[in-house]
Amino acid sequence: MSVASQPTAAIILAAGKGTRMKSALPKVMHRIAGRTMVGHVLANLAPLGSASKVVVIAPGMDQVAREVAPLSTAVQHEQLGTGHAVGCAREALGTFNGTVLVLYGDSPFISTATLEALVARRSQADNPAVVVLGMRPADPAKYGRLILDAAGHLDRIVEWKEANAEERAVTLCNSGVMAIDGKALWPLIDRIDNKNAKGEYYLTDIVEFARRDGRSCAVVEAPEGELMGVNSRAELAIAEALYQDQRRLAAMDEGATLIDPKSVFFAADTRLGRDVVIGPNVVFGAGVEVADDVEIRSFCHIEGTKIARGAVIGPFARLRPGAEIGPDAHIGNFVEVKNSIVGAGAKANHLSYLGDADIGAKSNIGAGTITCNYDGYLKARTVIGENAFIGSNSALVAPVRIGDGAIVGAGSVITRDVDADAIAVARGEQVARAGRARDFRAQRQKLKQDKARK
């Protein structure tokens, strides 16, 4: 039976209050690369196609429940240890005869490949009751130790406070992540007690119980970096840096050029095509898709945007949710685009705001142009046809349509539709009064002198 066909379920422990975060936000709701920590866990779990997933939360964690919906949640009313937390999922998970993964909502980097390795080890011929994910950290600190028998099977897990000197010298440490035989899970959980140094119900005790029952237990190892838990703002910053470093390397491996990799920040769902060139100090928010051959120049902020092949963005451009930039289009310096479609080959090269607009192919938007899309109550749309020319410093007051090939004179305030191939100019008539500037200066100078004498 392949790993993909193994029946699996998952219990994600997410009830930690994150006291060290000093935040009203539940710990697992803090974000790395724009995605919540529990969201990272679920994203990495998704390819396994788990039959059932239960997220264990604390009372009042409605934000977490909304974040993981439509998954089932179970409430741990008292924090009495990991064994107790898993037990709280019993009603939501019910009877399950496959492999149950136990994961942690504040450990966002565990990979799909590692989870698959856990499930695969559970399915081997020795049919282990429990497979524990181990690691060999540079600083074992106070991690529990995984003690193996002569055959290399897991004999027991010893918590730091209960370990003797010989056991503390073991370098193989417990991450807390497990794959458990679903048929044995609840009988094992029911045998856990809190007679230990912390007075908690340790999930790790189930290894000892399974061995007493004659069942084998096993270990799968993973890199320390995958198993990092986040418990403070400082650790959150470290996790963000680790994620970004990995994502930058992946982007370059996949065919993107990053001029200054350290200054580029990705969201968890950023998608880049091949031969994309990204300048320094570019930040991607959630929901960005970039096609092949796009150039993103320095100091751009992009979120919720699709950028088609060959487009040039920036420098200093801001693309907001709902922006769609067409093939070979140009969005230049200090241009903001929101909820707008910019057609193929269209250009807005300077100092413009395009909100709730449709810009036709090969149209040119002059510097200082704005689409006035909001009247204080409702938003309306501006539609600009193909090959139109909008002169500098124009205001297009929506709802309004500019026809194909039309020209809007610089400095115009357009409040009515403009027909195709028409020229529209809407500004006050220029008046010149000969010599008036000289007279004005003389009058003001005399007034200034009179005031000075008083």
Protein backbone atom coordinates (compact mmCIF):
# COMPACT_ATOMS: atom_id res chain seq x y z
CA MET A 1 0.00 0.00 0.00
CA SER A 2 1.46 3.41 -0.96
CA VAL A 3 1.86 6.24 1.50
CA ALA A 4 -0.70 8.26 -0.43
CA SER A 5 -3.28 5.51 0.07
CA GLN A 6 -2.72 5.11 3.81
CA PRO A 7 -5.79 6.19 5.79
CA THR A 8 -4.59 9.04 7.98
CA ALA A 9 -6.12 11.53 10.38
CA ALA A 10 -4.53 14.39 12.24
CA ILE A 11 -4.85 16.08 15.61
CA ILE A 12 -3.29 19.56 15.69
CA LEU A 13 -2.62 20.90 19.17
CA ALA A 14 -3.24 24.65 19.13
CA ALA A 15 -4.48 25.53 22.62
CA GLY A 16 -1.31 27.25 23.79
CA LYS A 17 -1.95 30.77 25.04
CA GLY A 18 1.49 32.03 24.07
CA THR A 19 2.08 33.97 27.27
CA ARG A 20 5.59 34.89 26.15
CA MET A 21 4.15 36.52 23.03
CA LYS A 22 2.49 39.11 25.26
CA SER A 23 -0.38 39.34 22.80
CA ALA A 24 -4.16 39.16 22.80
CA LEU A 25 -3.79 37.09 19.63
CA PRO A 26 -3.60 33.30 20.12
CA LYS A 27 -0.06 32.09 19.54
CA VAL A 28 -0.82 29.98 16.48
CA MET A 29 -2.47 32.99 14.81
CA HIS A 30 0.79 34.90 14.56
CA ARG A 31 2.01 35.01 10.99
CA ILE A 32 5.10 33.93 9.10
CA ALA A 33 5.28 35.12 5.50
CA GLY A 34 1.71 36.36 5.82
CA ARG A 35 0.27 32.96 6.79
CA THR A 36 -0.70 31.95 10.32
CA MET A 37 1.47 29.33 11.96
CA VAL A 38 -1.43 26.90 12.14
CA GLY A 39 -2.10 27.69 8.48
CA HIS A 40 1.44 26.57 7.62
CA VAL A 41 0.88 23.29 9.46
CA LEU A 42 -2.38 22.64 7.62
CA ALA A 43 -0.85 23.56 4.25
CA ASN A 44 1.98 21.07 4.74
CA LEU A 45 -0.49 18.42 5.90
CA ALA A 46 -2.91 18.93 2.99
CA PRO A 47 -1.09 16.77 0.35
CA LEU A 48 -1.52 13.70 2.57
CA GLY A 49 -5.28 13.93 2.08
CA SER A 50 -6.02 13.17 5.72
CA ALA A 51 -9.51 11.74 6.20
CA SER A 52 -10.15 13.80 9.31
CA LYS A 53 -8.44 16.71 11.03
CA VAL A 54 -9.20 18.04 14.50
CA VAL A 55 -7.68 21.22 15.91
CA VAL A 56 -7.54 21.39 19.70
CA ILE A 57 -8.04 24.94 20.98
CA ALA A 58 -8.50 26.70 24.30
CA PRO A 59 -11.76 28.32 25.41
CA GLY A 60 -12.42 31.61 23.68
CA MET A 61 -10.15 30.93 20.72
CA ASP A 62 -12.81 31.81 18.17
CA GLN A 63 -10.20 33.34 15.87
CA VAL A 64 -8.44 30.00 15.59
CA ALA A 65 -11.72 28.18 14.95
CA ARG A 66 -12.50 30.60 12.12
CA GLU A 67 -8.99 30.27 10.71
CA VAL A 68 -9.16 26.47 10.46
CA ALA A 69 -12.81 26.20 9.38
CA PRO A 70 -14.37 24.00 8.13
CA LEU A 71 -12.15 21.63 10.12
CA SER A 72 -13.48 20.31 13.41
CA THR A 73 -12.25 21.87 16.64
CA ALA A 74 -12.15 20.49 20.17
CA VAL A 75 -11.82 22.62 23.29
CA GLN A 76 -9.22 21.87 25.97
CA HIS A 77 -10.76 23.61 28.97
CA GLU A 78 -7.70 23.11 31.19
CA GLN A 79 -4.12 22.87 30.01
CA LEU A 80 -3.04 19.67 31.70
CA GLY A 81 -0.42 18.44 29.25
CA THR A 82 -0.10 17.01 25.76
CA GLY A 83 -1.72 13.70 26.62
CA HIS A 84 -4.75 15.51 27.97
CA ALA A 85 -4.87 17.75 24.89
CA VAL A 86 -4.93 14.78 22.52
CA GLY A 87 -7.66 13.19 24.63
CA CYS A 88 -9.82 16.26 24.11
CA ALA A 89 -10.05 15.35 20.40
CA ARG A 90 -11.66 11.98 21.10
CA GLU A 91 -15.26 12.99 20.44
CA ALA A 92 -14.44 14.98 17.29
CA LEU A 93 -12.18 12.29 15.81
CA GLY A 94 -14.17 9.28 16.92
CA THR A 95 -13.10 5.76 16.08
CA PHE A 96 -10.37 5.69 13.45
CA ASN A 97 -8.44 2.61 12.38
CA GLY A 98 -5.69 4.23 10.34
CA THR A 99 -2.70 6.35 11.36
CA VAL A 100 -3.30 9.41 13.52
CA LEU A 101 -0.73 12.18 13.27
CA VAL A 102 -0.26 14.44 16.28
CA LEU A 103 1.12 17.85 15.28
CA TYR A 104 1.63 21.24 16.92
CA GLY A 105 0.12 24.46 15.65
CA ASP A 106 3.17 26.48 16.71
CA SER A 107 5.66 24.34 14.74
CA PRO A 108 5.04 25.64 11.24
CA PHE A 109 7.96 24.19 9.27
CA ILE A 110 7.41 20.44 9.42
CA SER A 111 7.47 19.37 5.78
CA THR A 112 5.08 17.23 3.80
CA ALA A 113 7.95 14.83 3.06
CA THR A 114 8.59 14.33 6.78
CA LEU A 115 4.91 13.68 7.45
CA GLU A 116 4.86 11.16 4.62
CA ALA A 117 7.91 9.47 6.14
CA LEU A 118 6.08 9.11 9.46
CA VAL A 119 3.05 7.55 7.78
CA ALA A 120 5.27 5.24 5.71
CA ARG A 121 7.13 4.01 8.80
CA ARG A 122 3.81 3.28 10.53
CA SER A 123 2.81 1.05 7.62
CA GLN A 124 5.90 -1.15 7.69
CA ALA A 125 5.76 -4.85 8.52
CA ASP A 126 6.58 -4.49 12.23
CA ASN A 127 3.40 -2.42 12.58
CA PRO A 128 4.68 0.04 15.22
CA ALA A 129 2.05 1.38 17.59
CA VAL A 130 3.80 4.73 17.79
CA VAL A 131 6.30 6.43 15.49
CA VAL A 132 7.98 9.44 17.07
CA LEU A 133 9.64 12.21 15.08
CA GLY A 134 13.13 12.77 16.44
CA MET A 135 15.81 15.39 15.92
CA ARG A 136 19.42 16.04 16.87
CA PRO A 137 19.52 19.73 17.82
CA ALA A 138 22.81 21.59 18.16
CA ASP A 139 21.73 22.46 21.70
CA PRO A 140 19.68 19.61 23.21
CA ALA A 141 18.77 21.95 26.08
CA LYS A 142 15.92 20.36 28.01
CA TYR A 143 14.30 18.26 25.28
CA GLY A 144 13.06 14.80 26.17
CA ARG A 145 15.40 12.00 25.05
CA LEU A 146 14.51 9.11 22.73
CA ILE A 147 16.03 5.93 24.11
CA LEU A 148 16.48 3.14 21.57
CA ASP A 149 16.95 -0.59 22.21
CA ALA A 150 19.72 -2.75 20.76
CA ALA A 151 17.69 -3.35 17.59
CA GLY A 152 17.19 0.37 16.99
CA HIS A 153 13.53 0.44 18.01
CA LEU A 154 12.21 3.11 20.34
CA ASP A 155 12.23 1.75 23.87
CA ARG A 156 11.06 4.79 25.82
CA ILE A 157 10.94 8.59 25.97
CA VAL A 158 12.47 10.19 29.04
CA GLU A 159 11.57 13.75 29.93
CA TRP A 160 14.53 15.93 30.91
CA LYS A 161 13.45 16.30 34.52
CA GLU A 162 13.14 12.52 34.94
CA ALA A 163 16.32 11.61 32.99
CA ASN A 164 19.54 10.42 34.62
CA ALA A 165 22.99 11.55 33.49
CA GLU A 166 23.39 8.69 30.99
CA GLU A 167 20.00 9.39 29.41
CA ARG A 168 20.70 13.12 29.21
CA ALA A 169 23.86 12.33 27.24
CA VAL A 170 21.72 10.91 24.40
CA THR A 171 21.59 13.34 21.45
CA LEU A 172 18.40 12.01 19.83
CA CYS A 173 15.62 14.27 21.09
CA ASN A 174 11.85 14.22 21.04
CA SER A 175 10.05 16.75 18.82
CA GLY A 176 6.61 15.81 20.19
CA VAL A 177 5.25 14.90 16.75
CA MET A 178 3.92 11.36 16.46
CA ALA A 179 2.17 8.92 14.17
CA ILE A 180 -0.03 6.58 16.21
CA ASP A 181 -2.02 3.46 15.39
CA GLY A 182 -5.60 4.73 15.51
CA LYS A 183 -6.90 1.43 16.93
CA ALA A 184 -4.53 1.74 19.89
CA LEU A 185 -4.73 5.51 20.40
CA TRP A 186 -7.59 5.87 22.88
CA PRO A 187 -6.72 2.80 25.01
CA LEU A 188 -3.19 4.20 25.32
CA ILE A 189 -4.41 7.71 26.15
CA ASP A 190 -6.69 6.31 28.88
CA ARG A 191 -3.68 4.87 30.73
CA ILE A 192 -1.78 8.16 31.07
CA ASP A 193 -1.52 9.65 34.56
CA ASN A 194 0.10 12.82 35.93
CA LYS A 195 2.49 11.26 38.45
CA ASN A 196 5.59 13.11 37.26
CA ALA A 197 7.71 16.16 38.06
CA LYS A 198 5.36 18.56 36.26
CA GLY A 199 2.09 16.99 37.35
CA GLU A 200 0.98 16.80 33.70
CA TYR A 201 -0.41 14.10 31.43
CA TYR A 202 2.49 13.36 29.09
CA LEU A 203 1.64 12.05 25.62
CA THR A 204 5.12 10.52 25.60
CA ASP A 205 4.00 7.92 28.17
CA ILE A 206 2.11 6.01 25.48
CA VAL A 207 5.41 4.63 24.16
CA GLU A 208 6.03 2.82 27.46
CA PHE A 209 2.46 1.47 27.50
CA ALA A 210 2.69 0.22 23.92
CA ARG A 211 5.98 -1.57 24.69
CA ARG A 212 4.38 -3.23 27.73
CA ASP A 213 1.66 -4.49 25.40
CA GLY A 214 4.31 -6.10 23.19
CA ARG A 215 4.01 -3.53 20.40
CA SER A 216 7.05 -2.08 18.72
CA CYS A 217 7.68 1.67 18.51
CA ALA A 218 9.92 3.51 16.08
CA VAL A 219 11.68 6.78 15.33
CA VAL A 220 11.93 8.86 12.16
CA GLU A 221 14.46 11.69 12.18
CA ALA A 222 14.04 15.14 10.67
CA PRO A 223 16.26 18.24 10.50
CA GLU A 224 16.14 20.51 13.51
CA GLY A 225 15.03 23.45 11.35
CA GLU A 226 11.76 21.71 10.46
CA LEU A 227 10.86 21.22 14.08
CA MET A 228 11.33 24.72 15.41
CA GLY A 229 8.60 25.79 17.79
CA VAL A 230 7.71 29.47 18.11
CA ASN A 231 7.00 30.73 21.62
CA SER A 232 8.09 34.38 21.63
CA ARG A 233 8.31 37.42 19.38
CA ALA A 234 12.05 36.87 19.08
CA GLU A 235 11.51 33.29 17.92
CA LEU A 236 8.83 34.53 15.52
CA ALA A 237 11.38 36.88 13.94
CA ILE A 238 13.90 34.04 13.68
CA ALA A 239 11.26 31.84 12.04
CA GLU A 240 10.41 34.58 9.54
CA ALA A 241 14.08 34.97 8.63
CA LEU A 242 14.50 31.21 8.19
CA TYR A 243 11.42 31.00 6.00
CA GLN A 244 12.47 33.93 3.82
CA ASP A 245 15.99 32.55 3.32
CA GLN A 246 14.58 29.22 2.17
CA ARG A 247 11.99 30.86 -0.08
CA ARG A 248 14.58 33.11 -1.73
CA LEU A 249 16.79 30.13 -2.53
CA ALA A 250 13.78 28.25 -3.91
CA ALA A 251 12.83 31.22 -6.11
CA MET A 252 16.30 31.38 -7.60
CA ASP A 253 16.44 27.59 -8.05
CA GLU A 254 13.16 27.83 -9.96
CA GLY A 255 14.47 30.41 -12.42
CA ALA A 256 13.99 33.87 -10.89
CA THR A 257 16.74 36.46 -10.54
CA LEU A 258 16.90 38.31 -7.23
CA ILE A 259 19.30 41.24 -7.46
CA ASP A 260 19.57 41.56 -3.66
CA PRO A 261 17.98 38.42 -2.20
CA LYS A 262 18.17 39.50 1.44
CA SER A 263 15.94 42.53 0.78
CA VAL A 264 13.14 40.63 -1.01
CA PHE A 265 10.28 39.31 1.13
CA PHE A 266 7.81 36.68 -0.06
CA ALA A 267 4.40 35.60 1.15
CA ALA A 268 3.76 31.92 1.71
CA ASP A 269 1.67 31.69 -1.48
CA THR A 270 3.76 33.85 -3.85
CA ARG A 271 4.01 32.26 -7.30
CA LEU A 272 6.77 33.27 -9.72
CA GLY A 273 7.31 32.31 -13.34
CA ARG A 274 10.66 31.77 -15.02
CA ASP A 275 13.07 34.56 -15.91
CA VAL A 276 11.42 36.96 -13.50
CA VAL A 277 13.82 39.68 -12.36
CA ILE A 278 13.20 41.18 -8.91
CA GLY A 279 15.06 44.28 -7.77
CA PRO A 280 16.05 45.22 -4.22
CA ASN A 281 13.52 45.93 -1.46
CA VAL A 282 10.47 44.29 -3.01
CA VAL A 283 7.75 42.98 -0.69
CA PHE A 284 5.09 40.47 -1.72
CA GLY A 285 1.87 40.21 0.24
CA ALA A 286 -0.60 37.36 -0.05
CA GLY A 287 -2.13 36.30 -3.34
CA VAL A 288 0.48 37.31 -5.92
CA GLU A 289 1.00 35.46 -9.21
CA VAL A 290 3.81 36.57 -11.51
CA ALA A 291 4.16 35.13 -15.02
CA ASP A 292 7.36 34.59 -17.01
CA ASP A 293 9.68 37.41 -18.11
CA VAL A 294 8.33 40.01 -15.69
CA GLU A 295 10.61 42.67 -14.26
CA ILE A 296 9.80 44.04 -10.81
CA ARG A 297 12.02 46.97 -10.02
CA SER A 298 13.12 48.11 -6.58
CA PHE A 299 10.90 49.27 -3.69
CA CYS A 300 7.61 47.78 -4.89
CA HIS A 301 4.86 46.45 -2.60
CA ILE A 302 2.57 43.91 -4.27
CA GLU A 303 -0.40 41.96 -2.87
CA GLY A 304 -3.46 40.25 -4.28
CA THR A 305 -2.23 40.82 -7.83
CA LYS A 306 -1.77 38.91 -11.09
CA ILE A 307 1.03 40.10 -13.36
CA ALA A 308 1.12 38.77 -16.92
CA ARG A 309 4.12 37.91 -19.03
CA GLY A 310 6.59 40.63 -19.95
CA ALA A 311 5.15 43.34 -17.70
CA VAL A 312 7.45 45.88 -16.04
CA ILE A 313 6.59 47.06 -12.53
CA GLY A 314 8.13 49.94 -10.61
CA PRO A 315 10.29 51.19 -9.14
CA PHE A 316 8.25 52.37 -6.14
CA ALA A 317 4.94 50.91 -7.38
CA ARG A 318 2.15 49.68 -5.15
CA LEU A 319 -0.17 46.99 -6.47
CA ARG A 320 -3.12 46.24 -4.23
CA PRO A 321 -5.70 43.42 -4.14
CA GLY A 322 -7.66 42.96 -7.34
CA ALA A 323 -5.00 44.38 -9.63
CA GLU A 324 -4.44 42.51 -12.90
CA ILE A 325 -1.54 43.72 -14.99
CA GLY A 326 -1.63 42.58 -18.61
CA PRO A 327 1.16 41.33 -20.87
CA ASP A 328 3.91 43.88 -21.53
CA ALA A 329 2.13 46.55 -19.51
CA HIS A 330 4.18 49.13 -17.60
CA ILE A 331 3.36 50.33 -14.09
CA GLY A 332 5.94 52.92 -13.11
CA ASN A 333 7.21 54.89 -10.16
CA PHE A 334 4.72 55.97 -7.49
CA VAL A 335 1.78 54.40 -9.31
CA GLU A 336 -0.87 52.69 -7.19
CA VAL A 337 -3.27 50.18 -8.73
CA LYS A 338 -6.20 48.67 -6.85
CA ASN A 339 -9.01 46.41 -8.13
CA SER A 340 -8.18 47.37 -11.69
CA ILE A 341 -7.38 45.62 -14.96
CA VAL A 342 -4.53 47.09 -16.96
CA GLY A 343 -4.60 45.80 -20.54
CA ALA A 344 -1.79 44.45 -22.68
CA GLY A 345 0.86 47.03 -23.44
CA ALA A 346 -0.87 49.79 -21.46
CA LYS A 347 1.34 52.22 -19.57
CA ALA A 348 1.01 54.24 -16.40
CA ASN A 349 4.57 55.34 -15.84
CA HIS A 350 4.36 58.07 -13.20
CA LEU A 351 2.54 59.25 -10.09
CA SER A 352 -0.98 57.92 -10.71
CA TYR A 353 -3.78 56.23 -8.81
CA LEU A 354 -5.87 53.68 -10.71
CA GLY A 355 -8.66 52.30 -8.55
CA ASP A 356 -11.71 50.32 -9.73
CA ALA A 357 -10.76 50.83 -13.35
CA ASP A 358 -10.43 48.96 -16.63
CA ILE A 359 -7.56 50.23 -18.78
CA GLY A 360 -7.65 49.11 -22.40
CA ALA A 361 -4.71 47.68 -24.32
CA LYS A 362 -1.97 50.14 -25.30
CA SER A 363 -3.59 53.07 -23.55
CA ASN A 364 -1.31 55.65 -21.95
CA ILE A 365 -2.04 57.15 -18.55
CA GLY A 366 -0.26 60.47 -17.99
CA ALA A 367 1.53 61.50 -14.81
CA GLY A 368 -0.71 62.61 -11.97
CA THR A 369 -3.86 60.95 -13.30
CA ILE A 370 -6.34 59.63 -10.75
CA THR A 371 -9.56 57.70 -11.07
CA CYS A 372 -11.95 59.23 -8.55
CA ASN A 373 -13.66 55.99 -7.58
CA TYR A 374 -15.23 56.82 -4.19
CA ASP A 375 -17.87 59.42 -3.33
CA GLY A 376 -17.73 58.85 0.41
CA TYR A 377 -20.44 56.17 0.30
CA LEU A 378 -20.06 53.98 -2.79
CA LYS A 379 -17.37 53.07 -5.28
CA ALA A 380 -17.84 53.28 -9.03
CA ARG A 381 -15.82 52.12 -12.01
CA THR A 382 -13.84 53.95 -14.65
CA VAL A 383 -13.54 52.27 -18.06
CA ILE A 384 -10.85 53.41 -20.50
CA GLY A 385 -10.84 51.91 -23.97
CA GLU A 386 -7.93 50.76 -26.08
CA ASN A 387 -5.29 53.15 -27.42
CA ALA A 388 -6.65 56.01 -25.35
CA PHE A 389 -4.42 58.83 -24.10
CA ILE A 390 -5.07 60.42 -20.72
CA GLY A 391 -3.16 63.68 -20.30
CA SER A 392 -1.16 64.51 -17.19
CA ASN A 393 -2.89 65.62 -14.01
CA SER A 394 -6.34 64.48 -15.11
CA ALA A 395 -9.11 63.40 -12.75
CA LEU A 396 -11.63 60.88 -14.07
CA VAL A 397 -14.73 61.00 -11.87
CA ALA A 398 -16.42 57.58 -11.86
CA PRO A 399 -18.64 56.23 -13.17
CA VAL A 400 -17.24 57.30 -16.50
CA ARG A 401 -16.18 55.73 -19.81
CA ILE A 402 -13.41 56.88 -22.12
CA GLY A 403 -13.78 55.45 -25.62
CA ASP A 404 -11.18 53.71 -27.77
CA GLY A 405 -8.62 56.10 -29.18
CA ALA A 406 -9.94 59.08 -27.21
CA ILE A 407 -7.67 61.81 -25.87
CA VAL A 408 -8.18 63.61 -22.56
CA GLY A 409 -6.37 66.92 -22.35
CA ALA A 410 -3.92 67.50 -19.51
CA GLY A 411 -5.43 68.93 -16.34
CA SER A 412 -8.98 67.90 -17.20
CA VAL A 413 -11.66 66.84 -14.73
CA ILE A 414 -13.80 64.38 -16.69
CA THR A 415 -17.29 63.79 -15.33
CA ARG A 416 -19.09 62.58 -18.47
CA ASP A 417 -18.38 59.81 -20.97
CA VAL A 418 -15.98 60.56 -23.82
CA ASP A 419 -16.71 59.06 -27.24
CA ALA A 420 -14.22 56.98 -29.16
CA ASP A 421 -11.59 59.09 -31.02
CA ALA A 422 -12.83 62.29 -29.37
CA ILE A 423 -10.70 64.89 -27.61
CA ALA A 424 -12.05 65.98 -24.24
CA VAL A 425 -10.77 69.05 -22.41
CA ALA A 426 -12.42 70.11 -19.15
CA ARG A 427 -10.62 72.96 -17.44
CA GLY A 428 -11.04 76.67 -16.86
CA GLU A 429 -10.27 78.98 -19.79
CA GLN A 430 -6.81 80.56 -19.62
CA VAL A 431 -6.87 84.37 -19.29
CA ALA A 432 -3.77 86.61 -19.60
CA ARG A 433 -3.82 90.27 -18.45
CA ALA A 434 -0.88 92.26 -19.84
CA GLY A 435 1.22 94.05 -17.23
CA ARG A 436 -0.95 92.90 -14.33
CA ALA A 437 1.89 91.03 -12.61
CA ARG A 438 4.02 94.21 -12.49
CA ASP A 439 1.15 96.22 -10.99
CA PHE A 440 0.49 93.49 -8.44
CA ARG A 441 4.09 93.47 -7.23
CA ALA A 442 4.11 97.27 -6.87
CA GLN A 443 0.88 97.27 -4.86
CA ARG A 444 2.08 94.57 -2.48
CA GLN A 445 5.45 96.24 -1.97
CA LYS A 446 3.76 99.55 -1.04
CA LEU A 447 1.46 97.76 1.40
CA LYS A 448 4.42 96.08 3.06
CA GLN A 449 6.25 99.40 3.44
CA ASP A 450 3.19 101.14 4.91
CA LYS A 451 2.84 98.42 7.55
CA ALA A 452 6.51 98.72 8.44
CA ARG A 453 6.17 102.49 9.19
CA LYS A 454 3.38 101.98 11.73
